[in-house]
Amino acid sequence: MEDFMNTKKMVLCAMFTALTAIGAFIKIPLPYFEYFTLQLLFVIMSGLILGSKLGGLSVLLYVVIGLVGFPVFAAGGGPGYILKPTFGYLVGFVVAAYVTGYIEERIEKKSFRASMVASIAGMIIIYAVGIAYKYVILNVVTKVGVPLPVMIMSSVPMEVPGDIILCIAASIINVKFRKLASLHPEMRIE
C-alpha cells in the first residue's frame, strides 16, 4: 500500500508540474508587452490539493525543467532566464505553492473561505517576490533605473483582477475536490 501511495503522489506531483507548464502557454495579452497566463491557477491548486511539500515540489520541478533548457516558461527557458526581470515570479510560484498548501493544511474547517485565504496569500507572495526580483534586476543588475511605484503600477492594476478570478476558481475546484475525496477514499492524497 505504501508503494501505491508513493506512486500516486509522484504522479500527482508530475501532473501539476505539467499543468503549470501548460498554463504558461495559455496567454492573454495585456498592454505594454505583458501577458496574463493561467499558471497562477495551477500553482495555487498545487498547494491547495497537494499540500505544502508536494505542491512546492511540483512547482520547483517546473522551474528546474525550465532552467535546464526546456522551453516551458511563458517566454522560453534555459539558465539565462534567471536574468530576466520576470524570473522572480517563477521563484514566487514555488514559495506560493508551499505557503498556500501550508495554510490549507493548518485550517481545520475546509471551506471556500479557507481556500480563498490560502489562495490570496499565495497570490500576494507571488507579487511580492516577483516585483522585488524585477526591481533588483532592473535597478541593480542592468541599471535601467525603474522606480518601484512605476513598476508596481505597470503590472499590479492590470493583473490582479484576473489573478483574483483565478484564486476564486482554484478555491472552488479545491472545495469540489475535497467533497469528491470524502466520497471516494482512494482520491485522498494523505
N, C-alpha and C. Protein backbone atom coordinates (compact mmCIF):
# COMPACT_ATOMS: atom_id res chain seq x y z
N MET A 1 0.83 -1.20 0.00
CA MET A 1 0.00 0.00 0.00
C MET A 1 0.87 1.25 0.00
N GLU A 2 2.00 1.21 0.71
CA GLU A 2 2.88 2.37 0.77
C GLU A 2 3.46 2.70 -0.61
N ASP A 3 3.80 1.66 -1.40
CA ASP A 3 4.31 1.89 -2.75
C ASP A 3 3.26 2.57 -3.61
N PHE A 4 1.99 2.17 -3.45
CA PHE A 4 0.90 2.78 -4.21
C PHE A 4 0.78 4.25 -3.87
N MET A 5 0.85 4.59 -2.58
CA MET A 5 0.74 5.99 -2.16
C MET A 5 1.90 6.81 -2.70
N ASN A 6 3.10 6.25 -2.67
CA ASN A 6 4.25 6.98 -3.21
C ASN A 6 4.10 7.19 -4.71
N THR A 7 3.64 6.16 -5.42
CA THR A 7 3.42 6.29 -6.86
C THR A 7 2.34 7.32 -7.14
N LYS A 8 1.27 7.27 -6.38
CA LYS A 8 0.18 8.23 -6.56
C LYS A 8 0.67 9.66 -6.33
N LYS A 9 1.47 9.86 -5.30
CA LYS A 9 2.00 11.20 -5.02
C LYS A 9 2.92 11.68 -6.13
N MET A 10 3.76 10.78 -6.65
CA MET A 10 4.66 11.16 -7.75
C MET A 10 3.87 11.54 -9.00
N VAL A 11 2.84 10.77 -9.30
CA VAL A 11 2.02 11.04 -10.49
C VAL A 11 1.30 12.38 -10.34
N LEU A 12 0.73 12.64 -9.17
CA LEU A 12 0.04 13.91 -8.94
C LEU A 12 1.00 15.09 -8.99
N CYS A 13 2.17 14.90 -8.43
CA CYS A 13 3.19 15.96 -8.46
C CYS A 13 3.58 16.25 -9.91
N ALA A 14 3.81 15.21 -10.70
CA ALA A 14 4.17 15.38 -12.11
C ALA A 14 3.02 16.01 -12.89
N MET A 15 1.80 15.64 -12.54
CA MET A 15 0.64 16.20 -13.23
C MET A 15 0.55 17.71 -13.01
N PHE A 16 0.77 18.16 -11.78
CA PHE A 16 0.71 19.60 -11.52
C PHE A 16 1.92 20.33 -12.12
N THR A 17 3.05 19.66 -12.23
CA THR A 17 4.20 20.24 -12.93
C THR A 17 3.82 20.49 -14.39
N ALA A 18 3.20 19.47 -15.00
CA ALA A 18 2.78 19.60 -16.40
C ALA A 18 1.69 20.66 -16.57
N LEU A 19 0.73 20.70 -15.65
CA LEU A 19 -0.33 21.70 -15.74
C LEU A 19 0.22 23.12 -15.63
N THR A 20 1.21 23.31 -14.77
CA THR A 20 1.84 24.63 -14.64
C THR A 20 2.52 25.03 -15.95
N ALA A 21 3.19 24.05 -16.59
CA ALA A 21 3.83 24.33 -17.88
C ALA A 21 2.79 24.65 -18.94
N ILE A 22 1.71 23.90 -18.97
CA ILE A 22 0.63 24.17 -19.94
C ILE A 22 0.03 25.55 -19.69
N GLY A 23 -0.14 25.89 -18.43
CA GLY A 23 -0.69 27.20 -18.07
C GLY A 23 0.14 28.36 -18.59
N ALA A 24 1.44 28.13 -18.76
CA ALA A 24 2.32 29.19 -19.28
C ALA A 24 2.02 29.51 -20.74
N PHE A 25 1.45 28.56 -21.45
CA PHE A 25 1.20 28.76 -22.88
C PHE A 25 -0.22 29.21 -23.18
N ILE A 26 -1.03 29.32 -22.17
CA ILE A 26 -2.36 29.89 -22.34
C ILE A 26 -2.22 31.36 -21.97
N LYS A 27 -2.01 32.20 -22.99
CA LYS A 27 -1.65 33.61 -22.78
C LYS A 27 -2.76 34.55 -23.24
N ILE A 28 -3.01 35.54 -22.41
CA ILE A 28 -3.92 36.62 -22.76
C ILE A 28 -3.09 37.90 -22.76
N PRO A 29 -2.89 38.52 -23.94
CA PRO A 29 -2.01 39.70 -24.00
C PRO A 29 -2.59 40.91 -23.25
N LEU A 30 -1.70 41.65 -22.63
CA LEU A 30 -2.04 42.90 -21.95
C LEU A 30 -1.19 44.01 -22.56
N PRO A 31 -1.55 45.27 -22.32
CA PRO A 31 -0.73 46.37 -22.86
C PRO A 31 0.71 46.33 -22.32
N TYR A 32 1.59 46.99 -22.99
CA TYR A 32 2.99 47.15 -22.59
C TYR A 32 3.74 45.82 -22.57
N PHE A 33 3.46 44.97 -23.53
CA PHE A 33 4.19 43.72 -23.75
C PHE A 33 4.08 42.74 -22.59
N GLU A 34 3.11 42.91 -21.73
CA GLU A 34 2.85 41.96 -20.65
C GLU A 34 1.77 40.99 -21.13
N TYR A 35 1.66 39.86 -20.47
CA TYR A 35 0.58 38.94 -20.77
C TYR A 35 0.17 38.22 -19.50
N PHE A 36 -1.04 37.74 -19.55
CA PHE A 36 -1.66 37.08 -18.43
C PHE A 36 -1.73 35.59 -18.77
N THR A 37 -1.26 34.72 -17.87
CA THR A 37 -1.29 33.28 -18.11
C THR A 37 -2.12 32.59 -17.03
N LEU A 38 -2.37 31.31 -17.23
CA LEU A 38 -3.12 30.53 -16.26
C LEU A 38 -2.21 29.80 -15.26
N GLN A 39 -0.94 30.15 -15.25
CA GLN A 39 -0.01 29.49 -14.33
C GLN A 39 -0.43 29.66 -12.87
N LEU A 40 -0.87 30.84 -12.50
CA LEU A 40 -1.24 31.08 -11.11
C LEU A 40 -2.32 30.10 -10.66
N LEU A 41 -3.27 29.80 -11.52
CA LEU A 41 -4.33 28.85 -11.19
C LEU A 41 -3.73 27.51 -10.78
N PHE A 42 -2.81 27.00 -11.58
CA PHE A 42 -2.24 25.68 -11.31
C PHE A 42 -1.25 25.69 -10.15
N VAL A 43 -0.56 26.81 -9.96
CA VAL A 43 0.35 26.94 -8.82
C VAL A 43 -0.46 26.91 -7.52
N ILE A 44 -1.52 27.70 -7.47
CA ILE A 44 -2.37 27.75 -6.27
C ILE A 44 -3.04 26.40 -6.04
N MET A 45 -3.56 25.78 -7.12
CA MET A 45 -4.20 24.47 -6.97
C MET A 45 -3.22 23.42 -6.48
N SER A 46 -1.97 23.50 -6.91
CA SER A 46 -0.99 22.50 -6.45
C SER A 46 -0.81 22.60 -4.94
N GLY A 47 -0.77 23.81 -4.42
CA GLY A 47 -0.66 23.97 -2.97
C GLY A 47 -1.92 23.52 -2.24
N LEU A 48 -3.08 23.90 -2.77
CA LEU A 48 -4.35 23.56 -2.11
C LEU A 48 -4.60 22.05 -2.12
N ILE A 49 -4.35 21.41 -3.24
CA ILE A 49 -4.69 20.00 -3.39
C ILE A 49 -3.57 19.07 -2.93
N LEU A 50 -2.33 19.39 -3.28
CA LEU A 50 -1.22 18.50 -2.93
C LEU A 50 -0.64 18.78 -1.55
N GLY A 51 -0.86 19.97 -1.03
CA GLY A 51 -0.28 20.34 0.25
C GLY A 51 1.03 21.08 0.06
N SER A 52 1.62 21.48 1.17
CA SER A 52 2.80 22.34 1.11
C SER A 52 4.00 21.67 0.44
N LYS A 53 4.36 20.49 0.89
CA LYS A 53 5.58 19.84 0.38
C LYS A 53 5.45 19.41 -1.07
N LEU A 54 4.40 18.66 -1.38
CA LEU A 54 4.23 18.19 -2.76
C LEU A 54 3.88 19.34 -3.70
N GLY A 55 3.08 20.28 -3.24
CA GLY A 55 2.75 21.44 -4.07
C GLY A 55 3.99 22.25 -4.41
N GLY A 56 4.79 22.55 -3.39
CA GLY A 56 6.04 23.27 -3.63
C GLY A 56 6.99 22.49 -4.52
N LEU A 57 7.06 21.17 -4.31
CA LEU A 57 7.94 20.32 -5.13
C LEU A 57 7.49 20.32 -6.59
N SER A 58 6.19 20.24 -6.82
CA SER A 58 5.71 20.19 -8.22
C SER A 58 6.08 21.47 -8.96
N VAL A 59 5.97 22.61 -8.30
CA VAL A 59 6.32 23.87 -8.96
C VAL A 59 7.83 24.04 -9.06
N LEU A 60 8.57 23.58 -8.06
CA LEU A 60 10.03 23.60 -8.13
C LEU A 60 10.52 22.77 -9.32
N LEU A 61 9.91 21.61 -9.53
CA LEU A 61 10.28 20.77 -10.69
C LEU A 61 10.03 21.52 -11.99
N TYR A 62 8.94 22.23 -12.07
CA TYR A 62 8.63 23.03 -13.26
C TYR A 62 9.74 24.06 -13.51
N VAL A 63 10.16 24.76 -12.47
CA VAL A 63 11.21 25.78 -12.61
C VAL A 63 12.53 25.13 -13.01
N VAL A 64 12.88 24.02 -12.40
CA VAL A 64 14.14 23.33 -12.73
C VAL A 64 14.12 22.85 -14.19
N ILE A 65 13.00 22.28 -14.62
CA ILE A 65 12.89 21.82 -16.02
C ILE A 65 13.10 22.99 -16.97
N GLY A 66 12.54 24.14 -16.65
CA GLY A 66 12.73 25.32 -17.49
C GLY A 66 14.16 25.83 -17.48
N LEU A 67 14.80 25.82 -16.32
CA LEU A 67 16.18 26.30 -16.23
C LEU A 67 17.17 25.37 -16.94
N VAL A 68 16.83 24.08 -16.98
CA VAL A 68 17.68 23.11 -17.69
C VAL A 68 17.70 23.42 -19.18
N GLY A 69 16.63 24.02 -19.69
CA GLY A 69 16.61 24.41 -21.08
C GLY A 69 15.34 24.09 -21.84
N PHE A 70 14.45 23.34 -21.22
CA PHE A 70 13.18 23.07 -21.89
C PHE A 70 12.34 24.35 -21.91
N PRO A 71 11.75 24.69 -23.04
CA PRO A 71 11.00 25.96 -23.15
C PRO A 71 9.61 25.90 -22.52
N VAL A 72 9.56 25.70 -21.22
CA VAL A 72 8.28 25.58 -20.52
C VAL A 72 7.83 26.88 -19.88
N PHE A 73 8.70 27.89 -19.85
CA PHE A 73 8.30 29.17 -19.30
C PHE A 73 7.52 29.95 -20.34
N ALA A 74 6.81 30.97 -19.92
CA ALA A 74 5.98 31.76 -20.82
C ALA A 74 6.79 32.37 -21.97
N ALA A 75 8.07 32.64 -21.74
CA ALA A 75 8.91 33.23 -22.79
C ALA A 75 10.15 32.37 -23.07
N GLY A 76 10.03 31.05 -22.96
CA GLY A 76 11.16 30.18 -23.30
C GLY A 76 11.66 29.37 -22.13
N GLY A 77 12.98 29.30 -22.01
CA GLY A 77 13.60 28.53 -20.95
C GLY A 77 15.10 28.66 -21.03
N GLY A 78 15.82 27.97 -20.19
CA GLY A 78 17.28 28.00 -20.16
C GLY A 78 17.80 28.76 -18.96
N PRO A 79 19.09 28.54 -18.64
CA PRO A 79 19.66 29.18 -17.45
C PRO A 79 19.72 30.70 -17.53
N GLY A 80 19.75 31.25 -18.73
CA GLY A 80 19.77 32.69 -18.90
C GLY A 80 18.48 33.36 -18.42
N TYR A 81 17.44 32.56 -18.25
CA TYR A 81 16.16 33.09 -17.80
C TYR A 81 16.26 33.72 -16.41
N ILE A 82 17.28 33.31 -15.65
CA ILE A 82 17.48 33.86 -14.30
C ILE A 82 17.67 35.37 -14.35
N LEU A 83 18.23 35.89 -15.43
CA LEU A 83 18.48 37.33 -15.53
C LEU A 83 17.29 38.10 -16.10
N LYS A 84 16.23 37.40 -16.48
CA LYS A 84 15.04 38.10 -16.95
C LYS A 84 14.32 38.71 -15.75
N PRO A 85 13.81 39.92 -15.89
CA PRO A 85 13.12 40.56 -14.76
C PRO A 85 11.91 39.76 -14.24
N THR A 86 11.30 38.95 -15.10
CA THR A 86 10.11 38.19 -14.68
C THR A 86 10.45 36.87 -13.99
N PHE A 87 11.70 36.50 -13.90
CA PHE A 87 12.06 35.23 -13.25
C PHE A 87 11.64 35.21 -11.78
N GLY A 88 11.58 36.34 -11.15
CA GLY A 88 11.16 36.41 -9.75
C GLY A 88 9.76 35.88 -9.53
N TYR A 89 8.91 36.01 -10.53
CA TYR A 89 7.56 35.46 -10.41
C TYR A 89 7.62 33.93 -10.34
N LEU A 90 8.56 33.33 -11.07
CA LEU A 90 8.72 31.87 -11.01
C LEU A 90 9.21 31.43 -9.63
N VAL A 91 10.12 32.19 -9.06
CA VAL A 91 10.57 31.91 -7.69
C VAL A 91 9.39 32.06 -6.74
N GLY A 92 8.60 33.10 -6.96
CA GLY A 92 7.40 33.33 -6.15
C GLY A 92 6.39 32.19 -6.28
N PHE A 93 6.32 31.57 -7.47
CA PHE A 93 5.42 30.43 -7.66
C PHE A 93 5.76 29.30 -6.69
N VAL A 94 7.05 29.00 -6.56
CA VAL A 94 7.48 27.90 -5.69
C VAL A 94 7.09 28.20 -4.24
N VAL A 95 7.42 29.41 -3.79
CA VAL A 95 7.12 29.81 -2.42
C VAL A 95 5.60 29.84 -2.21
N ALA A 96 4.87 30.36 -3.18
CA ALA A 96 3.42 30.47 -3.06
C ALA A 96 2.75 29.10 -2.97
N ALA A 97 3.19 28.15 -3.77
CA ALA A 97 2.60 26.80 -3.72
C ALA A 97 2.82 26.20 -2.33
N TYR A 98 4.02 26.38 -1.80
CA TYR A 98 4.31 25.85 -0.47
C TYR A 98 3.45 26.54 0.60
N VAL A 99 3.42 27.85 0.58
CA VAL A 99 2.69 28.60 1.60
C VAL A 99 1.18 28.37 1.49
N THR A 100 0.66 28.32 0.27
CA THR A 100 -0.76 28.05 0.08
C THR A 100 -1.12 26.69 0.68
N GLY A 101 -0.30 25.69 0.39
CA GLY A 101 -0.52 24.37 0.96
C GLY A 101 -0.38 24.36 2.47
N TYR A 102 0.59 25.10 2.97
CA TYR A 102 0.83 25.17 4.42
C TYR A 102 -0.39 25.76 5.14
N ILE A 103 -0.92 26.84 4.59
CA ILE A 103 -2.10 27.48 5.19
C ILE A 103 -3.29 26.53 5.12
N GLU A 104 -3.49 25.91 3.97
CA GLU A 104 -4.61 24.98 3.79
C GLU A 104 -4.51 23.81 4.77
N GLU A 105 -3.31 23.32 5.00
CA GLU A 105 -3.11 22.19 5.94
C GLU A 105 -3.42 22.59 7.37
N ARG A 106 -3.20 23.84 7.73
CA ARG A 106 -3.37 24.29 9.11
C ARG A 106 -4.81 24.69 9.43
N ILE A 107 -5.63 24.91 8.43
CA ILE A 107 -7.01 25.31 8.66
C ILE A 107 -7.84 24.05 8.88
N GLU A 108 -8.48 23.99 10.05
CA GLU A 108 -9.24 22.79 10.41
C GLU A 108 -10.50 22.63 9.58
N LYS A 109 -11.29 23.69 9.46
CA LYS A 109 -12.55 23.60 8.72
C LYS A 109 -12.29 23.98 7.26
N LYS A 110 -12.27 22.96 6.42
CA LYS A 110 -12.03 23.19 5.00
C LYS A 110 -13.29 23.80 4.38
N SER A 111 -13.12 24.96 3.74
CA SER A 111 -14.26 25.65 3.14
C SER A 111 -13.75 26.53 2.01
N PHE A 112 -14.68 27.10 1.27
CA PHE A 112 -14.31 28.03 0.21
C PHE A 112 -13.55 29.22 0.79
N ARG A 113 -14.04 29.74 1.90
CA ARG A 113 -13.40 30.90 2.53
C ARG A 113 -11.96 30.57 2.94
N ALA A 114 -11.76 29.40 3.53
CA ALA A 114 -10.40 28.99 3.95
C ALA A 114 -9.49 28.86 2.73
N SER A 115 -10.02 28.27 1.66
CA SER A 115 -9.23 28.12 0.43
C SER A 115 -8.89 29.49 -0.16
N MET A 116 -9.83 30.43 -0.08
CA MET A 116 -9.57 31.78 -0.59
C MET A 116 -8.48 32.48 0.21
N VAL A 117 -8.49 32.31 1.52
CA VAL A 117 -7.44 32.91 2.36
C VAL A 117 -6.08 32.38 1.91
N ALA A 118 -5.98 31.07 1.75
CA ALA A 118 -4.72 30.46 1.32
C ALA A 118 -4.34 30.92 -0.08
N SER A 119 -5.32 30.99 -0.97
CA SER A 119 -5.07 31.40 -2.36
C SER A 119 -4.59 32.84 -2.46
N ILE A 120 -5.26 33.73 -1.76
CA ILE A 120 -4.87 35.15 -1.79
C ILE A 120 -3.48 35.34 -1.17
N ALA A 121 -3.19 34.59 -0.11
CA ALA A 121 -1.85 34.66 0.48
C ALA A 121 -0.80 34.24 -0.54
N GLY A 122 -1.08 33.17 -1.27
CA GLY A 122 -0.16 32.72 -2.32
C GLY A 122 0.02 33.76 -3.40
N MET A 123 -1.09 34.38 -3.82
CA MET A 123 -1.02 35.41 -4.86
C MET A 123 -0.17 36.60 -4.39
N ILE A 124 -0.37 37.02 -3.15
CA ILE A 124 0.41 38.14 -2.60
C ILE A 124 1.90 37.80 -2.59
N ILE A 125 2.22 36.58 -2.23
CA ILE A 125 3.64 36.15 -2.22
C ILE A 125 4.22 36.21 -3.62
N ILE A 126 3.47 35.75 -4.61
CA ILE A 126 3.96 35.78 -5.99
C ILE A 126 4.28 37.21 -6.40
N TYR A 127 3.38 38.14 -6.11
CA TYR A 127 3.62 39.54 -6.47
C TYR A 127 4.78 40.14 -5.68
N ALA A 128 4.86 39.84 -4.41
CA ALA A 128 5.94 40.41 -3.58
C ALA A 128 7.31 39.95 -4.07
N VAL A 129 7.45 38.65 -4.27
CA VAL A 129 8.74 38.11 -4.73
C VAL A 129 9.02 38.56 -6.16
N GLY A 130 8.00 38.51 -7.02
CA GLY A 130 8.19 38.89 -8.42
C GLY A 130 8.59 40.34 -8.59
N ILE A 131 7.91 41.24 -7.90
CA ILE A 131 8.23 42.67 -8.04
C ILE A 131 9.58 42.98 -7.40
N ALA A 132 9.88 42.37 -6.27
CA ALA A 132 11.20 42.60 -5.64
C ALA A 132 12.32 42.15 -6.56
N TYR A 133 12.17 40.98 -7.18
CA TYR A 133 13.19 40.45 -8.09
C TYR A 133 13.33 41.36 -9.31
N LYS A 134 12.18 41.77 -9.88
CA LYS A 134 12.20 42.65 -11.04
C LYS A 134 12.91 43.96 -10.71
N TYR A 135 12.65 44.49 -9.52
CA TYR A 135 13.29 45.73 -9.10
C TYR A 135 14.81 45.57 -9.04
N VAL A 136 15.26 44.47 -8.45
CA VAL A 136 16.70 44.22 -8.34
C VAL A 136 17.33 44.06 -9.72
N ILE A 137 16.72 43.28 -10.59
CA ILE A 137 17.29 43.08 -11.93
C ILE A 137 17.34 44.39 -12.71
N LEU A 138 16.24 45.15 -12.68
CA LEU A 138 16.20 46.37 -13.48
C LEU A 138 17.01 47.52 -12.89
N ASN A 139 17.16 47.57 -11.58
CA ASN A 139 17.82 48.71 -10.97
C ASN A 139 19.24 48.42 -10.50
N VAL A 140 19.54 47.19 -10.14
CA VAL A 140 20.87 46.87 -9.64
C VAL A 140 21.71 46.17 -10.71
N VAL A 141 21.14 45.15 -11.36
CA VAL A 141 21.90 44.37 -12.33
C VAL A 141 22.04 45.12 -13.64
N THR A 142 20.94 45.51 -14.26
CA THR A 142 21.01 46.17 -15.58
C THR A 142 21.10 47.69 -15.48
N LYS A 143 20.84 48.24 -14.31
CA LYS A 143 20.92 49.69 -14.05
C LYS A 143 20.01 50.50 -14.97
N VAL A 144 18.85 49.94 -15.32
CA VAL A 144 17.87 50.66 -16.13
C VAL A 144 17.26 51.80 -15.33
N GLY A 145 17.04 51.58 -14.06
CA GLY A 145 16.53 52.62 -13.17
C GLY A 145 15.04 52.86 -13.24
N VAL A 146 14.26 51.82 -12.98
CA VAL A 146 12.80 51.96 -12.95
C VAL A 146 12.36 52.11 -11.50
N PRO A 147 11.70 53.23 -11.17
CA PRO A 147 11.24 53.41 -9.78
C PRO A 147 10.22 52.35 -9.38
N LEU A 148 10.24 51.96 -8.12
CA LEU A 148 9.35 50.92 -7.61
C LEU A 148 7.87 51.26 -7.84
N PRO A 149 7.41 52.49 -7.56
CA PRO A 149 5.99 52.79 -7.81
C PRO A 149 5.58 52.59 -9.27
N VAL A 150 6.45 52.93 -10.19
CA VAL A 150 6.16 52.74 -11.62
C VAL A 150 6.06 51.25 -11.93
N MET A 151 6.96 50.47 -11.35
CA MET A 151 6.96 49.03 -11.56
C MET A 151 5.68 48.40 -11.03
N ILE A 152 5.27 48.83 -9.86
CA ILE A 152 4.05 48.28 -9.25
C ILE A 152 2.83 48.69 -10.08
N MET A 153 2.75 49.94 -10.47
CA MET A 153 1.59 50.43 -11.22
C MET A 153 1.54 49.86 -12.64
N SER A 154 2.67 49.42 -13.16
CA SER A 154 2.66 48.87 -14.52
C SER A 154 2.16 47.44 -14.58
N SER A 155 2.14 46.74 -13.45
CA SER A 155 1.70 45.35 -13.51
C SER A 155 0.54 45.03 -12.58
N VAL A 156 0.53 45.55 -11.39
CA VAL A 156 -0.48 45.15 -10.41
C VAL A 156 -1.91 45.49 -10.84
N PRO A 157 -2.23 46.73 -11.24
CA PRO A 157 -3.64 47.02 -11.58
C PRO A 157 -4.17 46.18 -12.75
N MET A 158 -3.31 45.83 -13.69
CA MET A 158 -3.77 45.07 -14.85
C MET A 158 -3.90 43.58 -14.54
N GLU A 159 -3.05 43.05 -13.70
CA GLU A 159 -3.00 41.61 -13.50
C GLU A 159 -3.80 41.11 -12.30
N VAL A 160 -3.91 41.90 -11.24
CA VAL A 160 -4.55 41.44 -10.01
C VAL A 160 -6.01 41.03 -10.21
N PRO A 161 -6.84 41.79 -10.94
CA PRO A 161 -8.24 41.34 -11.08
C PRO A 161 -8.35 39.94 -11.70
N GLY A 162 -7.58 39.68 -12.73
CA GLY A 162 -7.60 38.34 -13.34
C GLY A 162 -7.08 37.27 -12.40
N ASP A 163 -6.05 37.62 -11.63
CA ASP A 163 -5.49 36.65 -10.68
C ASP A 163 -6.44 36.36 -9.53
N ILE A 164 -7.22 37.35 -9.13
CA ILE A 164 -8.24 37.10 -8.10
C ILE A 164 -9.30 36.14 -8.63
N ILE A 165 -9.66 36.29 -9.89
CA ILE A 165 -10.60 35.35 -10.51
C ILE A 165 -10.00 33.94 -10.52
N LEU A 166 -8.70 33.83 -10.80
CA LEU A 166 -8.04 32.52 -10.78
C LEU A 166 -8.01 31.94 -9.36
N CYS A 167 -7.83 32.79 -8.36
CA CYS A 167 -7.86 32.32 -6.96
C CYS A 167 -9.25 31.81 -6.60
N ILE A 168 -10.28 32.49 -7.08
CA ILE A 168 -11.65 32.04 -6.85
C ILE A 168 -11.86 30.67 -7.51
N ALA A 169 -11.41 30.56 -8.76
CA ALA A 169 -11.55 29.28 -9.48
C ALA A 169 -10.81 28.16 -8.76
N ALA A 170 -9.57 28.42 -8.32
CA ALA A 170 -8.80 27.40 -7.61
C ALA A 170 -9.49 26.99 -6.32
N SER A 171 -10.07 27.95 -5.62
CA SER A 171 -10.76 27.66 -4.37
C SER A 171 -12.02 26.82 -4.60
N ILE A 172 -12.76 27.14 -5.64
CA ILE A 172 -13.95 26.35 -5.99
C ILE A 172 -13.55 24.93 -6.35
N ILE A 173 -12.53 24.80 -7.18
CA ILE A 173 -12.06 23.46 -7.57
C ILE A 173 -11.60 22.68 -6.35
N ASN A 174 -10.90 23.34 -5.43
CA ASN A 174 -10.42 22.68 -4.22
C ASN A 174 -11.59 22.16 -3.37
N VAL A 175 -12.62 22.98 -3.20
CA VAL A 175 -13.79 22.56 -2.42
C VAL A 175 -14.45 21.35 -3.07
N LYS A 176 -14.61 21.40 -4.39
CA LYS A 176 -15.22 20.27 -5.12
C LYS A 176 -14.35 19.02 -4.99
N PHE A 177 -13.03 19.20 -5.11
CA PHE A 177 -12.12 18.06 -4.98
C PHE A 177 -12.21 17.44 -3.58
N ARG A 178 -12.26 18.27 -2.55
CA ARG A 178 -12.37 17.77 -1.17
C ARG A 178 -13.66 16.97 -0.98
N LYS A 179 -14.77 17.45 -1.56
CA LYS A 179 -16.04 16.72 -1.46
C LYS A 179 -15.94 15.36 -2.15
N LEU A 180 -15.34 15.35 -3.34
CA LEU A 180 -15.15 14.09 -4.06
C LEU A 180 -14.26 13.14 -3.28
N ALA A 181 -13.18 13.66 -2.73
CA ALA A 181 -12.24 12.82 -1.97
C ALA A 181 -12.88 12.26 -0.71
N SER A 182 -13.82 12.99 -0.13
CA SER A 182 -14.50 12.46 1.06
C SER A 182 -15.43 11.31 0.68
N LEU A 183 -15.97 11.33 -0.53
CA LEU A 183 -16.83 10.25 -1.00
C LEU A 183 -16.04 9.06 -1.53
N HIS A 184 -14.85 9.33 -2.05
CA HIS A 184 -14.01 8.29 -2.65
C HIS A 184 -12.64 8.29 -1.97
N PRO A 185 -12.47 7.49 -0.95
CA PRO A 185 -11.21 7.50 -0.18
C PRO A 185 -9.95 7.29 -1.02
N GLU A 186 -10.07 6.60 -2.14
CA GLU A 186 -8.89 6.37 -2.98
C GLU A 186 -8.38 7.65 -3.62
N MET A 187 -9.17 8.72 -3.61
CA MET A 187 -8.74 10.01 -4.16
C MET A 187 -7.93 10.83 -3.16
N ARG A 188 -7.95 10.45 -1.91
CA ARG A 188 -7.22 11.23 -0.90
C ARG A 188 -5.72 11.16 -1.16
N ILE A 189 -5.05 12.24 -0.84
CA ILE A 189 -3.61 12.34 -1.11
C ILE A 189 -2.77 11.97 0.09
N GLU A 190 -3.29 12.12 1.30
CA GLU A 190 -2.50 11.89 2.51
C GLU A 190 -1.72 10.62 2.44
